[in-house]
PDB file of N, CA and C in Angstrom:
ATOM      1  N   UNK A   1       1.014  -1.194   0.029  1.00  0.00           N
ATOM      2  CA  UNK A   1       0.095   0.112   0.072  1.00  0.00           C
ATOM      3  C   UNK A   1       1.301   1.296   0.229  1.00  0.00           C
ATOM      4  N   UNK A   2       0.603   2.177  -0.770  1.00  0.00           N
ATOM      5  CA  UNK A   2       1.124   3.584  -0.606  1.00  0.00           C
ATOM      6  C   UNK A   2       0.326   4.786  -0.579  1.00  0.00           C
ATOM      7  N   UNK A   3       0.824   5.820  -0.117  1.00  0.00           N
ATOM      8  CA  UNK A   3       0.425   7.052  -0.138  1.00  0.00           C
ATOM      9  C   UNK A   3       1.180   7.806  -1.062  1.00  0.00           C
ATOM     10  N   UNK A   4       0.455   8.633  -1.819  1.00  0.00           N
ATOM     11  CA  UNK A   4       1.284   9.750  -2.470  1.00  0.00           C
ATOM     12  C   UNK A   4       0.575  10.955  -1.888  1.00  0.00           C
ATOM     13  N   UNK A   5       1.516  11.698  -1.587  1.00  0.00           N
ATOM     14  CA  UNK A   5       1.464  13.060  -1.098  1.00  0.00           C
ATOM     15  C   UNK A   5       1.694  14.057  -2.086  1.00  0.00           C
ATOM     16  N   UNK A   6       0.718  14.954  -2.801  1.00  0.00           N
ATOM     17  CA  UNK A   6       1.195  15.826  -3.668  1.00  0.00           C
ATOM     18  C   UNK A   6       1.133  17.464  -3.155  1.00  0.00           C
ATOM     19  N   UNK A   7       2.218  18.022  -3.169  1.00  0.00           N
ATOM     20  CA  UNK A   7       2.286  19.489  -3.094  1.00  0.00           C
ATOM     21  C   UNK A   7       2.599  20.192  -4.176  1.00  0.00           C
ATOM     22  N   UNK A   8       1.575  21.366  -4.430  1.00  0.00           N
ATOM     23  CA  UNK A   8       1.341  22.184  -5.561  1.00  0.00           C
ATOM     24  C   UNK A   8       2.604  22.910  -5.858  1.00  0.00           C
ATOM     25  N   UNK A   9       3.461  22.956  -7.115  1.00  0.00           N
ATOM     26  CA  UNK A   9       4.614  23.808  -7.311  1.00  0.00           C
ATOM     27  C   UNK A   9       4.063  25.087  -7.971  1.00  0.00           C
ATOM     28  N   UNK A  10       2.689  25.235  -8.432  1.00  0.00           N
ATOM     29  CA  UNK A  10       2.443  26.258  -9.165  1.00  0.00           C
ATOM     30  C   UNK A  10       1.251  27.041  -8.520  1.00  0.00           C
ATOM     31  N   UNK A  11       0.811  28.032  -8.895  1.00  0.00           N
ATOM     32  CA  UNK A  11      -0.386  28.814  -8.333  1.00  0.00           C
ATOM     33  C   UNK A  11      -1.675  28.027  -8.404  1.00  0.00           C
ATOM     34  N   UNK A  12      -2.626  28.410  -7.620  1.00  0.00           N
ATOM     35  CA  UNK A  12      -3.945  27.544  -7.881  1.00  0.00           C
ATOM     36  C   UNK A  12      -4.530  27.587  -8.995  1.00  0.00           C
ATOM     37  N   UNK A  13      -4.482  29.053  -9.907  1.00  0.00           N
ATOM     38  CA  UNK A  13      -5.027  29.534 -11.047  1.00  0.00           C
ATOM     39  C   UNK A  13      -4.099  28.259 -11.822  1.00  0.00           C
ATOM     40  N   UNK A  14      -3.060  27.794 -11.949  1.00  0.00           N
ATOM     41  CA  UNK A  14      -2.669  26.817 -12.806  1.00  0.00           C
ATOM     42  C   UNK A  14      -3.096  25.554 -12.554  1.00  0.00           C
ATOM     43  N   UNK A  15      -2.977  25.127 -11.196  1.00  0.00           N
ATOM     44  CA  UNK A  15      -3.506  24.001 -10.726  1.00  0.00           C
ATOM     45  C   UNK A  15      -5.019  23.641 -11.446  1.00  0.00           C
ATOM     46  N   UNK A  16      -5.814  24.469 -11.506  1.00  0.00           N
ATOM     47  CA  UNK A  16      -7.344  24.488 -11.796  1.00  0.00           C
ATOM     48  C   UNK A  16      -7.319  24.349 -13.040  1.00  0.00           C
ATOM     49  N   UNK A  17      -6.153  24.831 -13.832  1.00  0.00           N
ATOM     50  CA  UNK A  17      -6.358  24.759 -15.297  1.00  0.00           C
ATOM     51  C   UNK A  17      -6.318  22.885 -15.750  1.00  0.00           C
ATOM     52  N   UNK A  18      -5.950  22.342 -15.157  1.00  0.00           N
ATOM     53  CA  UNK A  18      -5.635  20.728 -15.223  1.00  0.00           C
ATOM     54  C   UNK A  18      -5.871  19.920 -14.133  1.00  0.00           C
ATOM     55  N   UNK A  19      -7.256  20.636 -13.312  1.00  0.00           N
ATOM     56  CA  UNK A  19      -7.944  19.746 -12.530  1.00  0.00           C
ATOM     57  C   UNK A  19      -8.746  18.632 -13.007  1.00  0.00           C
ATOM     58  N   UNK A  20      -9.588  19.063 -14.273  1.00  0.00           N
ATOM     59  CA  UNK A  20     -10.461  18.185 -14.855  1.00  0.00           C
ATOM     60  C   UNK A  20      -9.771  17.131 -15.338  1.00  0.00           C
ATOM     61  N   UNK A  21      -8.624  16.980 -15.980  1.00  0.00           N
ATOM     62  CA  UNK A  21      -7.815  16.221 -16.625  1.00  0.00           C
ATOM     63  C   UNK A  21      -7.222  15.328 -15.426  1.00  0.00           C
ATOM     64  N   UNK A  22      -7.033  15.959 -14.215  1.00  0.00           N
ATOM     65  CA  UNK A  22      -6.179  15.193 -13.085  1.00  0.00           C
ATOM     66  C   UNK A  22      -7.635  14.376 -12.385  1.00  0.00           C
ATOM     67  N   UNK A  23      -8.920  14.934 -12.494  1.00  0.00           N
ATOM     68  CA  UNK A  23      -9.788  14.121 -12.012  1.00  0.00           C
ATOM     69  C   UNK A  23     -10.150  13.144 -12.912  1.00  0.00           C
ATOM     70  N   UNK A  24     -10.161  12.982 -14.221  1.00  0.00           N
ATOM     71  CA  UNK A  24     -10.271  12.215 -15.024  1.00  0.00           C
ATOM     72  C   UNK A  24      -9.366  11.077 -15.044  1.00  0.00           C
ATOM     73  N   UNK A  25      -8.068  11.519 -14.538  1.00  0.00           N
ATOM     74  CA  UNK A  25      -6.948  10.485 -14.121  1.00  0.00           C
ATOM     75  C   UNK A  25      -7.142   9.717 -13.073  1.00  0.00           C
ATOM     76  N   UNK A  26      -7.807  10.277 -12.122  1.00  0.00           N
ATOM     77  CA  UNK A  26      -8.249   9.522 -10.625  1.00  0.00           C
ATOM     78  C   UNK A  26      -9.491   8.544 -11.078  1.00  0.00           C
ATOM     79  N   UNK A  27     -10.137   8.984 -12.012  1.00  0.00           N
ATOM     80  CA  UNK A  27     -11.401   8.144 -12.090  1.00  0.00           C
ATOM     81  C   UNK A  27     -10.987   7.031 -13.041  1.00  0.00           C
ATOM     82  N   UNK A  28     -10.082   7.057 -13.940  1.00  0.00           N
ATOM     83  CA  UNK A  28      -9.517   6.001 -14.543  1.00  0.00           C
ATOM     84  C   UNK A  28      -8.880   5.048 -13.601  1.00  0.00           C
ATOM     85  N   UNK A  29      -8.129   5.462 -12.718  1.00  0.00           N
ATOM     86  CA  UNK A  29      -7.417   4.486 -11.737  1.00  0.00           C
ATOM     87  C   UNK A  29      -8.320   3.673 -10.937  1.00  0.00           C
ATOM     88  N   UNK A  30      -9.339   4.600 -10.500  1.00  0.00           N
ATOM     89  CA  UNK A  30     -10.455   3.901  -9.554  1.00  0.00           C
ATOM     90  C   UNK A  30     -11.080   2.777 -10.261  1.00  0.00           C
ATOM     91  N   UNK A  31     -11.163   3.120 -11.296  1.00  0.00           N
ATOM     92  CA  UNK A  31     -11.802   2.217 -12.296  1.00  0.00           C
ATOM     93  C   UNK A  31     -11.274   0.953 -12.416  1.00  0.00           C
ATOM     94  N   UNK A  32      -9.541   1.073 -12.567  1.00  0.00           N
ATOM     95  CA  UNK A  32      -8.899   0.012 -12.648  1.00  0.00           C
ATOM     96  C   UNK A  32      -8.417  -0.648 -11.236  1.00  0.00           C
ATOM     97  N   UNK A  33      -9.194  -0.007 -10.244  1.00  0.00           N
ATOM     98  CA  UNK A  33      -8.532  -0.764  -8.715  1.00  0.00           C
ATOM     99  C   UNK A  33      -7.547  -0.638  -8.245  1.00  0.00           C
ATOM    100  N   UNK A  34      -6.780   0.768  -8.800  1.00  0.00           N
ATOM    101  CA  UNK A  34      -5.463   1.209  -8.313  1.00  0.00           C
ATOM    102  C   UNK A  34      -5.423   1.855  -7.138  1.00  0.00           C
ATOM    103  N   UNK A  35      -6.588   3.079  -6.944  1.00  0.00           N
ATOM    104  CA  UNK A  35      -6.893   3.964  -5.970  1.00  0.00           C
ATOM    105  C   UNK A  35      -7.877   3.535  -4.881  1.00  0.00           C
ATOM    106  N   UNK A  36      -7.609   3.925  -3.784  1.00  0.00           N
ATOM    107  CA  UNK A  36      -8.589   3.366  -2.700  1.00  0.00           C
ATOM    108  C   UNK A  36      -9.292   4.997  -2.080  1.00  0.00           C
ATOM    109  N   UNK A  37      -8.441   6.014  -1.981  1.00  0.00           N
ATOM    110  CA  UNK A  37      -8.935   7.169  -1.589  1.00  0.00           C
ATOM    111  C   UNK A  37      -8.373   8.220  -1.897  1.00  0.00           C
ATOM    112  N   UNK A  38      -8.790   9.601  -2.239  1.00  0.00           N
ATOM    113  CA  UNK A  38      -7.983  10.738  -2.406  1.00  0.00           C
ATOM    114  C   UNK A  38      -8.548  11.809  -2.086  1.00  0.00           C
ATOM    115  N   UNK A  39      -7.730  13.103  -2.284  1.00  0.00           N
ATOM    116  CA  UNK A  39      -8.633  14.245  -2.099  1.00  0.00           C
ATOM    117  C   UNK A  39      -7.515  15.527  -1.695  1.00  0.00           C
ATOM    118  N   UNK A  40      -8.088  16.580  -1.545  1.00  0.00           N
ATOM    119  CA  UNK A  40      -7.030  17.823  -1.479  1.00  0.00           C
ATOM    120  C   UNK A  40      -6.585  17.994   0.080  1.00  0.00           C
ATOM    121  N   UNK A  41      -5.602  18.416   0.202  1.00  0.00           N
ATOM    122  CA  UNK A  41      -5.047  18.696   1.637  1.00  0.00           C
ATOM    123  C   UNK A  41      -6.187  20.048   1.752  1.00  0.00           C
ATOM    124  N   UNK A  42      -5.756  20.149   3.499  1.00  0.00           N
ATOM    125  CA  UNK A  42      -6.580  21.324   3.960  1.00  0.00           C
ATOM    126  C   UNK A  42      -5.578  22.037   4.839  1.00  0.00           C
ATOM    127  N   UNK A  43      -4.915  23.316   4.376  1.00  0.00           N
ATOM    128  CA  UNK A  43      -5.222  24.109   3.216  1.00  0.00           C
ATOM    129  C   UNK A  43      -5.193  23.635   1.892  1.00  0.00           C
ATOM    130  N   UNK A  44      -5.620  24.335   0.987  1.00  0.00           N
ATOM    131  CA  UNK A  44      -5.310  23.527  -0.437  1.00  0.00           C
ATOM    132  C   UNK A  44      -3.884  23.685  -0.796  1.00  0.00           C
ATOM    133  N   UNK A  45      -3.037  23.205  -0.560  1.00  0.00           N
ATOM    134  CA  UNK A  45      -1.356  23.150  -0.758  1.00  0.00           C
ATOM    135  C   UNK A  45      -1.054  21.885  -1.545  1.00  0.00           C
ATOM    136  N   UNK A  46      -1.964  21.179  -1.716  1.00  0.00           N
ATOM    137  CA  UNK A  46      -1.714  19.793  -2.574  1.00  0.00           C
ATOM    138  C   UNK A  46      -2.985  18.531  -2.544  1.00  0.00           C
ATOM    139  N   UNK A  47      -2.564  17.339  -2.603  1.00  0.00           N
ATOM    140  CA  UNK A  47      -3.225  16.362  -2.405  1.00  0.00           C
ATOM    141  C   UNK A  47      -2.894  14.907  -1.909  1.00  0.00           C
ATOM    142  N   UNK A  48      -3.918  14.230  -1.425  1.00  0.00           N
ATOM    143  CA  UNK A  48      -3.345  12.765  -1.174  1.00  0.00           C
ATOM    144  C   UNK A  48      -3.860  12.029  -1.897  1.00  0.00           C
ATOM    145  N   UNK A  49      -3.192  10.503  -2.310  1.00  0.00           N
ATOM    146  CA  UNK A  49      -3.692   9.480  -3.259  1.00  0.00           C
ATOM    147  C   UNK A  49      -3.284   8.142  -2.340  1.00  0.00           C
ATOM    148  N   UNK A  50      -4.491   7.401  -2.177  1.00  0.00           N
ATOM    149  CA  UNK A  50      -4.192   6.241  -1.584  1.00  0.00           C
ATOM    150  C   UNK A  50      -3.972   5.326  -2.575  1.00  0.00           C
ATOM    151  N   UNK A  51      -2.735   4.607  -2.594  1.00  0.00           N
ATOM    152  CA  UNK A  51      -2.809   3.728  -3.947  1.00  0.00           C
ATOM    153  C   UNK A  51      -2.345   2.204  -3.366  1.00  0.00           C
ATOM    154  N   UNK A  52      -3.016   1.368  -4.048  1.00  0.00           N
ATOM    155  CA  UNK A  52      -3.088  -0.329  -3.915  1.00  0.00           C
ATOM    156  C   UNK A  52      -1.925  -0.450  -5.321  1.00  0.00           C
ATOM    157  N   UNK A  53      -0.772  -1.349  -5.192  1.00  0.00           N
ATOM    158  CA  UNK A  53      -0.128  -1.316  -5.947  1.00  0.00           C
ATOM    159  C   UNK A  53       0.765  -2.356  -5.538  1.00  0.00           C
ATOM    160  N   UNK A  54       1.629  -3.099  -6.476  1.00  0.00           N
ATOM    161  CA  UNK A  54       2.445  -4.298  -6.236  1.00  0.00           C
ATOM    162  C   UNK A  54       3.734  -3.876  -5.652  1.00  0.00           C
ATOM    163  N   UNK A  55       4.317  -2.665  -6.181  1.00  0.00           N
ATOM    164  CA  UNK A  55       5.786  -2.239  -5.737  1.00  0.00           C
ATOM    165  C   UNK A  55       6.133  -0.771  -6.008  1.00  0.00           C
ATOM    166  N   UNK A  56       6.858  -0.475  -5.861  1.00  0.00           N
ATOM    167  CA  UNK A  56       7.434   1.091  -6.289  1.00  0.00           C
ATOM    168  C   UNK A  56       7.270   1.643  -7.673  1.00  0.00           C
ATOM    169  N   UNK A  57       7.672   0.810  -8.267  1.00  0.00           N
ATOM    170  CA  UNK A  57       7.691   0.818 -10.027  1.00  0.00           C
ATOM    171  C   UNK A  57       6.378   0.792 -10.395  1.00  0.00           C
ATOM    172  N   UNK A  58       5.302  -0.232  -9.809  1.00  0.00           N
ATOM    173  CA  UNK A  58       3.865   0.105 -10.434  1.00  0.00           C
ATOM    174  C   UNK A  58       3.376   1.630 -10.012  1.00  0.00           C
ATOM    175  N   UNK A  59       3.631   1.870  -8.814  1.00  0.00           N
ATOM    176  CA  UNK A  59       3.212   3.436  -8.364  1.00  0.00           C
ATOM    177  C   UNK A  59       3.988   4.511  -9.249  1.00  0.00           C
ATOM    178  N   UNK A  60       5.417   4.507  -9.362  1.00  0.00           N
ATOM    179  CA  UNK A  60       6.000   5.312 -10.599  1.00  0.00           C
ATOM    180  C   UNK A  60       5.196   5.158 -11.874  1.00  0.00           C
ATOM    181  N   UNK A  61       4.877   4.371 -12.391  1.00  0.00           N
ATOM    182  CA  UNK A  61       4.397   4.132 -13.595  1.00  0.00           C
ATOM    183  C   UNK A  61       2.697   4.653 -13.556  1.00  0.00           C
ATOM    184  N   UNK A  62       2.235   4.566 -12.448  1.00  0.00           N
ATOM    185  CA  UNK A  62       0.768   5.443 -12.191  1.00  0.00           C
ATOM    186  C   UNK A  62       0.988   6.881 -12.141  1.00  0.00           C
ATOM    187  N   UNK A  63       1.959   7.128 -11.273  1.00  0.00           N
ATOM    188  CA  UNK A  63       2.032   8.871 -10.935  1.00  0.00           C
ATOM    189  C   UNK A  63       2.664   9.711 -12.523  1.00  0.00           C
ATOM    190  N   UNK A  64       3.349   8.704 -13.378  1.00  0.00           N
ATOM    191  CA  UNK A  64       3.620   9.097 -14.541  1.00  0.00           C
ATOM    192  C   UNK A  64       2.707   9.520 -15.334  1.00  0.00           C
ATOM    193  N   UNK A  65       1.502   8.891 -15.356  1.00  0.00           N
ATOM    194  CA  UNK A  65       0.274   9.065 -16.165  1.00  0.00           C
ATOM    195  C   UNK A  65      -0.486  10.655 -15.571  1.00  0.00           C
ATOM    196  N   UNK A  66      -0.445  10.904 -14.342  1.00  0.00           N
ATOM    197  CA  UNK A  66      -0.822  12.037 -13.775  1.00  0.00           C
ATOM    198  C   UNK A  66      -0.712  13.481 -14.634  1.00  0.00           C
ATOM    199  N   UNK A  67      -1.741  14.203 -15.153  1.00  0.00           N
ATOM    200  CA  UNK A  67      -1.452  15.455 -15.814  1.00  0.00           C
ATOM    201  C   UNK A  67      -0.610  16.507 -14.650  1.00  0.00           C
ATOM    202  N   UNK A  68      -1.134  16.243 -13.558  1.00  0.00           N
ATOM    203  CA  UNK A  68      -0.463  17.249 -12.498  1.00  0.00           C
ATOM    204  C   UNK A  68       1.352  16.794 -12.636  1.00  0.00           C
ATOM    205  N   UNK A  69       1.487  15.623 -12.722  1.00  0.00           N
ATOM    206  CA  UNK A  69       3.058  15.550 -12.900  1.00  0.00           C
ATOM    207  C   UNK A  69       3.502  15.888 -14.295  1.00  0.00           C
ATOM    208  N   UNK A  70       2.827  15.338 -15.277  1.00  0.00           N
ATOM    209  CA  UNK A  70       3.220  15.647 -16.805  1.00  0.00           C
ATOM    210  C   UNK A  70       3.243  17.067 -17.193  1.00  0.00           C
ATOM    211  N   UNK A  71       2.401  17.931 -16.074  1.00  0.00           N
ATOM    212  CA  UNK A  71       2.501  19.259 -16.541  1.00  0.00           C
ATOM    213  C   UNK A  71       3.292  19.960 -15.269  1.00  0.00           C
ATOM    214  N   UNK A  72       4.361  19.330 -14.693  1.00  0.00           N
ATOM    215  CA  UNK A  72       4.968  20.100 -13.464  1.00  0.00           C
ATOM    216  C   UNK A  72       4.324  20.823 -12.772  1.00  0.00           C
ATOM    217  N   UNK A  73       3.084  20.261 -12.072  1.00  0.00           N
ATOM    218  CA  UNK A  73       2.334  20.966 -11.366  1.00  0.00           C
ATOM    219  C   UNK A  73       2.504  20.878  -9.981  1.00  0.00           C
ATOM    220  N   UNK A  74       2.981  19.339  -9.462  1.00  0.00           N
ATOM    221  CA  UNK A  74       2.984  19.055  -8.248  1.00  0.00           C
ATOM    222  C   UNK A  74       4.270  18.242  -7.990  1.00  0.00           C
ATOM    223  N   UNK A  75       4.794  18.015  -6.635  1.00  0.00           N
ATOM    224  CA  UNK A  75       5.697  17.202  -6.351  1.00  0.00           C
ATOM    225  C   UNK A  75       5.313  16.052  -5.487  1.00  0.00           C
ATOM    226  N   UNK A  76       5.758  15.061  -5.633  1.00  0.00           N
ATOM    227  CA  UNK A  76       4.987  13.993  -5.182  1.00  0.00           C
ATOM    228  C   UNK A  76       6.152  13.141  -4.300  1.00  0.00           C
ATOM    229  N   UNK A  77       5.611  13.060  -2.840  1.00  0.00           N
ATOM    230  CA  UNK A  77       6.334  12.155  -1.953  1.00  0.00           C
ATOM    231  C   UNK A  77       5.717  10.984  -1.720  1.00  0.00           C
ATOM    232  N   UNK A  78       6.143   9.738  -1.908  1.00  0.00           N
ATOM    233  CA  UNK A  78       5.660   8.546  -1.640  1.00  0.00           C
ATOM    234  C   UNK A  78       5.963   7.657  -0.793  1.00  0.00           C
ATOM    235  N   UNK A  79       5.078   7.276   0.055  1.00  0.00           N
ATOM    236  CA  UNK A  79       5.156   6.508   1.264  1.00  0.00           C
ATOM    237  C   UNK A  79       4.616   5.041   1.059  1.00  0.00           C
ATOM    238  N   UNK A  80       5.409   4.238   1.423  1.00  0.00           N
ATOM    239  CA  UNK A  80       4.961   2.569   1.392  1.00  0.00           C
ATOM    240  C   UNK A  80       4.804   2.348   2.991  1.00  0.00           C
ATOM    241  N   UNK A  81       3.687   1.830   2.989  1.00  0.00           N
ATOM    242  CA  UNK A  81       3.586   1.038   4.432  1.00  0.00           C
ATOM    243  C   UNK A  81       2.575   0.169   4.088  1.00  0.00           C
ATOM    244  N   UNK A  82       2.544  -0.910   5.609  1.00  0.00           N
ATOM    245  CA  UNK A  82       1.852  -1.915   5.340  1.00  0.00           C
ATOM    246  C   UNK A  82       0.541  -2.114   6.269  1.00  0.00           C
ATOM    247  N   UNK A  83      -0.749  -1.788   6.161  1.00  0.00           N
ATOM    248  CA  UNK A  83      -1.868  -1.696   7.238  1.00  0.00           C
ATOM    249  C   UNK A  83      -1.839  -3.267   7.765  1.00  0.00           C
ATOM    250  N   UNK A  84      -1.833  -2.860   9.085  1.00  0.00           N
ATOM    251  CA  UNK A  84      -2.198  -3.808   9.911  1.00  0.00           C
ATOM    252  C   UNK A  84      -3.483  -3.585  10.748  1.00  0.00           C
ATOM    253  N   UNK A  85      -4.036  -2.542  10.809  1.00  0.00           N
ATOM    254  CA  UNK A  85      -5.226  -2.487  11.540  1.00  0.00           C
ATOM    255  C   UNK A  85      -6.224  -1.441  10.892  1.00  0.00           C
ATOM    256  N   UNK A  86      -7.495  -1.610  10.400  1.00  0.00           N
ATOM    257  CA  UNK A  86      -8.296  -0.776   9.699  1.00  0.00           C
ATOM    258  C   UNK A  86      -9.529  -1.346  10.459  1.00  0.00           C
ATOM    259  N   UNK A  87     -10.781  -0.113   9.819  1.00  0.00           N
ATOM    260  CA  UNK A  87     -11.733  -0.292  10.845  1.00  0.00           C
ATOM    261  C   UNK A  87     -13.022  -1.232   9.995  1.00  0.00           C
ATOM    262  N   UNK A  88     -12.988  -1.413   8.607  1.00  0.00           N
ATOM    263  CA  UNK A  88     -14.071  -1.802   7.807  1.00  0.00           C
ATOM    264  C   UNK A  88     -13.505  -2.929   7.105  1.00  0.00           C
ATOM    265  N   UNK A  89     -14.610  -3.888   7.330  1.00  0.00           N
ATOM    266  CA  UNK A  89     -14.509  -5.124   6.434  1.00  0.00           C
ATOM    267  C   UNK A  89     -14.339  -4.973   4.897  1.00  0.00           C
ATOM    268  N   UNK A  90     -15.018  -4.106   4.560  1.00  0.00           N
ATOM    269  CA  UNK A  90     -14.781  -3.760   3.110  1.00  0.00           C
ATOM    270  C   UNK A  90     -13.533  -3.417   2.762  1.00  0.00           C
ATOM    271  N   UNK A  91     -12.640  -2.757   3.587  1.00  0.00           N
ATOM    272  CA  UNK A  91     -11.337  -2.565   3.269  1.00  0.00           C
ATOM    273  C   UNK A  91     -10.386  -3.688   3.342  1.00  0.00           C
ATOM    274  N   UNK A  92     -10.918  -4.813   3.975  1.00  0.00           N
ATOM    275  CA  UNK A  92     -10.285  -5.917   3.765  1.00  0.00           C
ATOM    276  C   UNK A  92     -10.103  -6.780   2.405  1.00  0.00           C
ATOM    277  N   UNK A  93     -11.464  -6.261   2.017  1.00  0.00           N
ATOM    278  CA  UNK A  93     -11.846  -6.862   0.429  1.00  0.00           C
ATOM    279  C   UNK A  93     -10.888  -6.520  -0.513  1.00  0.00           C
ATOM    280  N   UNK A  94     -10.623  -4.914  -0.300  1.00  0.00           N
ATOM    281  CA  UNK A  94     -10.327  -4.184  -1.546  1.00  0.00           C
ATOM    282  C   UNK A  94      -8.414  -4.397  -1.346  1.00  0.00           C
ATOM    283  N   UNK A  95      -7.882  -4.504   0.317  1.00  0.00           N
ATOM    284  CA  UNK A  95      -6.703  -5.088  -0.027  1.00  0.00           C
ATOM    285  C   UNK A  95      -6.311  -6.246  -0.113  1.00  0.00           C
ATOM    286  N   UNK A  96      -7.170  -7.249  -0.139  1.00  0.00           N
ATOM    287  CA  UNK A  96      -7.103  -8.698  -0.723  1.00  0.00           C
ATOM    288  C   UNK A  96      -6.495  -9.333   0.383  1.00  0.00           C
TER     289      UNK A  96
END
């Protein structure tokens, strides 16, 4: 399991220019089963994506497709972790 922490490098006006393309990218990866949760940080300085992937190389390939990455809108910090406790039985199904 991975968490991508995005930090915007550009003003929000430029972020917003690519926001719909970024949301389409998110929707594609939700449909593929790659993403578990995502959303903006508060305050709006970036975002967070929880990613289900086999390894870091798979995460890097997924992030390479993000319009925010392609257009140099955000930096990405990738954190790998192993979930050992969680609240929902539904999450057990998602995690496998």
